[in-house]
Amino acid sequence: MLRHVFALASVAVLALAFSPAFAEDTKPGTHEGKVVKAEAGKLTMTDKDGKKEHTHVIPATAKVTCDGKECKVEDLKPGSAVKVTTEKKEDKLVVVSVEAKKAD
């Protein structure tokens, strides 16, 4: 019985510890960073400081541009500056646009 209580308490502590990180990813808006990896339908990027890495699913409906010209997600190059815009649709956060600029 004591093991079950300890296990449940551990899960609760972990949930509370990670909830701020999840909350940050559930707010619609725009954020900027650098491309780490890009493939069809998926973009891995860092935050502006280059520290926090995260991945976005990019739907086919998202507008993707490279230096102002329409392109595909897989055209994005590692190190390129990127701005991702998200909106809440049907209680889910969805990427609506990705704007990339060449790496300096």
C-alpha atoms as a PDB file:
ATOM      1  CA  MET A   1       0.000   0.000   0.000  1.00  0.00           C
ATOM      2  CA  LEU A   2       2.803   2.376   0.914  1.00  0.00           C
ATOM      3  CA  ARG A   3       4.423   1.718  -2.488  1.00  0.00           C
ATOM      4  CA  HIS A   4       1.238   2.769  -4.279  1.00  0.00           C
ATOM      5  CA  VAL A   5       1.014   5.988  -2.284  1.00  0.00           C
ATOM      6  CA  PHE A   6       4.668   6.760  -3.006  1.00  0.00           C
ATOM      7  CA  ALA A   7       4.207   6.011  -6.728  1.00  0.00           C
ATOM      8  CA  LEU A   8       1.147   8.262  -6.971  1.00  0.00           C
ATOM      9  CA  ALA A   9       2.907  11.043  -5.082  1.00  0.00           C
ATOM     10  CA  SER A  10       5.889  10.778  -7.441  1.00  0.00           C
ATOM     11  CA  VAL A  11       3.646  11.048 -10.495  1.00  0.00           C
ATOM     12  CA  ALA A  12       1.900  14.096  -9.015  1.00  0.00           C
ATOM     13  CA  VAL A  13       5.223  15.830  -8.323  1.00  0.00           C
ATOM     14  CA  LEU A  14       6.443  15.160 -11.874  1.00  0.00           C
ATOM     15  CA  ALA A  15       3.185  16.435 -13.351  1.00  0.00           C
ATOM     16  CA  LEU A  16       3.466  19.667 -11.391  1.00  0.00           C
ATOM     17  CA  ALA A  17       7.133  20.086 -12.267  1.00  0.00           C
ATOM     18  CA  PHE A  18       6.543  19.787 -16.007  1.00  0.00           C
ATOM     19  CA  SER A  19       3.204  21.582 -16.281  1.00  0.00           C
ATOM     20  CA  PRO A  20       4.755  25.053 -16.902  1.00  0.00           C
ATOM     21  CA  ALA A  21       6.650  23.656 -19.894  1.00  0.00           C
ATOM     22  CA  PHE A  22       3.477  22.166 -21.348  1.00  0.00           C
ATOM     23  CA  ALA A  23       1.511  25.351 -20.692  1.00  0.00           C
ATOM     24  CA  GLU A  24       4.004  27.395 -22.709  1.00  0.00           C
ATOM     25  CA  ASP A  25       3.434  25.190 -25.754  1.00  0.00           C
ATOM     26  CA  THR A  26      -0.356  25.531 -25.580  1.00  0.00           C
ATOM     27  CA  LYS A  27      -0.566  29.290 -26.121  1.00  0.00           C
ATOM     28  CA  PRO A  28      -1.336  30.476 -29.650  1.00  0.00           C
ATOM     29  CA  GLY A  29       0.913  33.152 -31.114  1.00  0.00           C
ATOM     30  CA  THR A  30       4.285  33.612 -32.762  1.00  0.00           C
ATOM     31  CA  HIS A  31       7.721  32.573 -31.601  1.00  0.00           C
ATOM     32  CA  GLU A  32      11.153  32.712 -33.182  1.00  0.00           C
ATOM     33  CA  GLY A  33      14.248  30.562 -33.108  1.00  0.00           C
ATOM     34  CA  LYS A  34      16.647  28.570 -35.272  1.00  0.00           C
ATOM     35  CA  VAL A  35      16.018  25.495 -37.415  1.00  0.00           C
ATOM     36  CA  VAL A  36      17.641  22.340 -36.054  1.00  0.00           C
ATOM     37  CA  LYS A  37      16.058  19.830 -38.436  1.00  0.00           C
ATOM     38  CA  ALA A  38      13.285  19.968 -41.030  1.00  0.00           C
ATOM     39  CA  GLU A  39      11.530  17.163 -42.841  1.00  0.00           C
ATOM     40  CA  ALA A  40       8.154  16.758 -44.524  1.00  0.00           C
ATOM     41  CA  GLY A  41       5.493  17.705 -41.982  1.00  0.00           C
ATOM     42  CA  LYS A  42       7.894  18.206 -39.076  1.00  0.00           C
ATOM     43  CA  LEU A  43      10.127  21.046 -37.855  1.00  0.00           C
ATOM     44  CA  THR A  44      12.561  20.856 -34.955  1.00  0.00           C
ATOM     45  CA  MET A  45      13.759  24.253 -33.764  1.00  0.00           C
ATOM     46  CA  THR A  46      15.320  26.021 -30.795  1.00  0.00           C
ATOM     47  CA  ASP A  47      14.113  29.095 -28.979  1.00  0.00           C
ATOM     48  CA  LYS A  48      15.690  32.512 -29.686  1.00  0.00           C
ATOM     49  CA  ASP A  49      18.515  31.784 -27.238  1.00  0.00           C
ATOM     50  CA  GLY A  50      19.294  28.481 -28.951  1.00  0.00           C
ATOM     51  CA  LYS A  51      18.689  26.533 -25.743  1.00  0.00           C
ATOM     52  CA  LYS A  52      15.217  24.987 -25.645  1.00  0.00           C
ATOM     53  CA  GLU A  53      14.666  22.564 -28.520  1.00  0.00           C
ATOM     54  CA  HIS A  54      11.138  21.567 -29.527  1.00  0.00           C
ATOM     55  CA  THR A  55       9.310  20.031 -32.478  1.00  0.00           C
ATOM     56  CA  HIS A  56       6.246  21.188 -34.400  1.00  0.00           C
ATOM     57  CA  VAL A  57       4.013  19.117 -36.641  1.00  0.00           C
ATOM     58  CA  ILE A  58       3.506  21.183 -39.789  1.00  0.00           C
ATOM     59  CA  PRO A  59       0.179  20.481 -41.515  1.00  0.00           C
ATOM     60  CA  ALA A  60      -0.136  20.634 -45.299  1.00  0.00           C
ATOM     61  CA  THR A  61      -2.345  23.716 -44.867  1.00  0.00           C
ATOM     62  CA  ALA A  62       0.443  25.767 -43.230  1.00  0.00           C
ATOM     63  CA  LYS A  63       2.023  28.540 -45.315  1.00  0.00           C
ATOM     64  CA  VAL A  64       5.797  27.977 -45.456  1.00  0.00           C
ATOM     65  CA  THR A  65       8.164  30.619 -46.847  1.00  0.00           C
ATOM     66  CA  CYS A  66      11.939  30.771 -47.296  1.00  0.00           C
ATOM     67  CA  ASP A  67      13.275  34.316 -47.661  1.00  0.00           C
ATOM     68  CA  GLY A  68       9.781  35.505 -48.581  1.00  0.00           C
ATOM     69  CA  LYS A  69       9.174  32.859 -51.273  1.00  0.00           C
ATOM     70  CA  GLU A  70       6.866  29.874 -50.943  1.00  0.00           C
ATOM     71  CA  CYS A  71       8.768  26.676 -50.141  1.00  0.00           C
ATOM     72  CA  LYS A  72       8.403  23.296 -48.426  1.00  0.00           C
ATOM     73  CA  VAL A  73       9.270  22.448 -44.822  1.00  0.00           C
ATOM     74  CA  GLU A  74      12.047  20.137 -46.019  1.00  0.00           C
ATOM     75  CA  ASP A  75      13.658  23.139 -47.806  1.00  0.00           C
ATOM     76  CA  LEU A  76      14.439  24.777 -44.442  1.00  0.00           C
ATOM     77  CA  LYS A  77      18.151  24.604 -43.607  1.00  0.00           C
ATOM     78  CA  PRO A  78      19.646  24.008 -40.150  1.00  0.00           C
ATOM     79  CA  GLY A  79      20.726  27.287 -38.571  1.00  0.00           C
ATOM     80  CA  SER A  80      18.177  29.379 -40.475  1.00  0.00           C
ATOM     81  CA  ALA A  81      16.190  31.901 -38.473  1.00  0.00           C
ATOM     82  CA  VAL A  82      12.561  30.816 -38.270  1.00  0.00           C
ATOM     83  CA  LYS A  83       9.291  32.314 -37.064  1.00  0.00           C
ATOM     84  CA  VAL A  84       6.388  29.944 -36.354  1.00  0.00           C
ATOM     85  CA  THR A  85       2.813  31.173 -35.955  1.00  0.00           C
ATOM     86  CA  THR A  86       0.209  28.992 -34.267  1.00  0.00           C
ATOM     87  CA  GLU A  87      -3.536  29.260 -33.740  1.00  0.00           C
ATOM     88  CA  LYS A  88      -5.954  27.310 -31.606  1.00  0.00           C
ATOM     89  CA  LYS A  89      -8.324  25.246 -33.768  1.00  0.00           C
ATOM     90  CA  GLU A  90     -10.812  22.814 -32.257  1.00  0.00           C
ATOM     91  CA  ASP A  91      -8.975  22.881 -28.902  1.00  0.00           C
ATOM     92  CA  LYS A  92      -5.639  22.035 -30.561  1.00  0.00           C
ATOM     93  CA  LEU A  93      -2.658  24.260 -31.256  1.00  0.00           C
ATOM     94  CA  VAL A  94      -1.994  24.212 -35.018  1.00  0.00           C
ATOM     95  CA  VAL A  95       0.891  25.738 -36.985  1.00  0.00           C
ATOM     96  CA  VAL A  96      -0.521  28.118 -39.604  1.00  0.00           C
ATOM     97  CA  SER A  97       2.706  29.637 -40.938  1.00  0.00           C
ATOM     98  CA  VAL A  98       6.466  29.158 -40.936  1.00  0.00           C
ATOM     99  CA  GLU A  99       8.752  31.968 -42.117  1.00  0.00           C
ATOM    100  CA  ALA A 100      12.442  31.157 -42.557  1.00  0.00           C
ATOM    101  CA  LYS A 101      15.434  33.323 -43.442  1.00  0.00           C
ATOM    102  CA  LYS A 102      18.860  32.104 -44.517  1.00  0.00           C
ATOM    103  CA  ALA A 103      21.428  31.429 -41.838  1.00  0.00           C
ATOM    104  CA  ASP A 104      23.961  34.237 -41.473  1.00  0.00           C
END
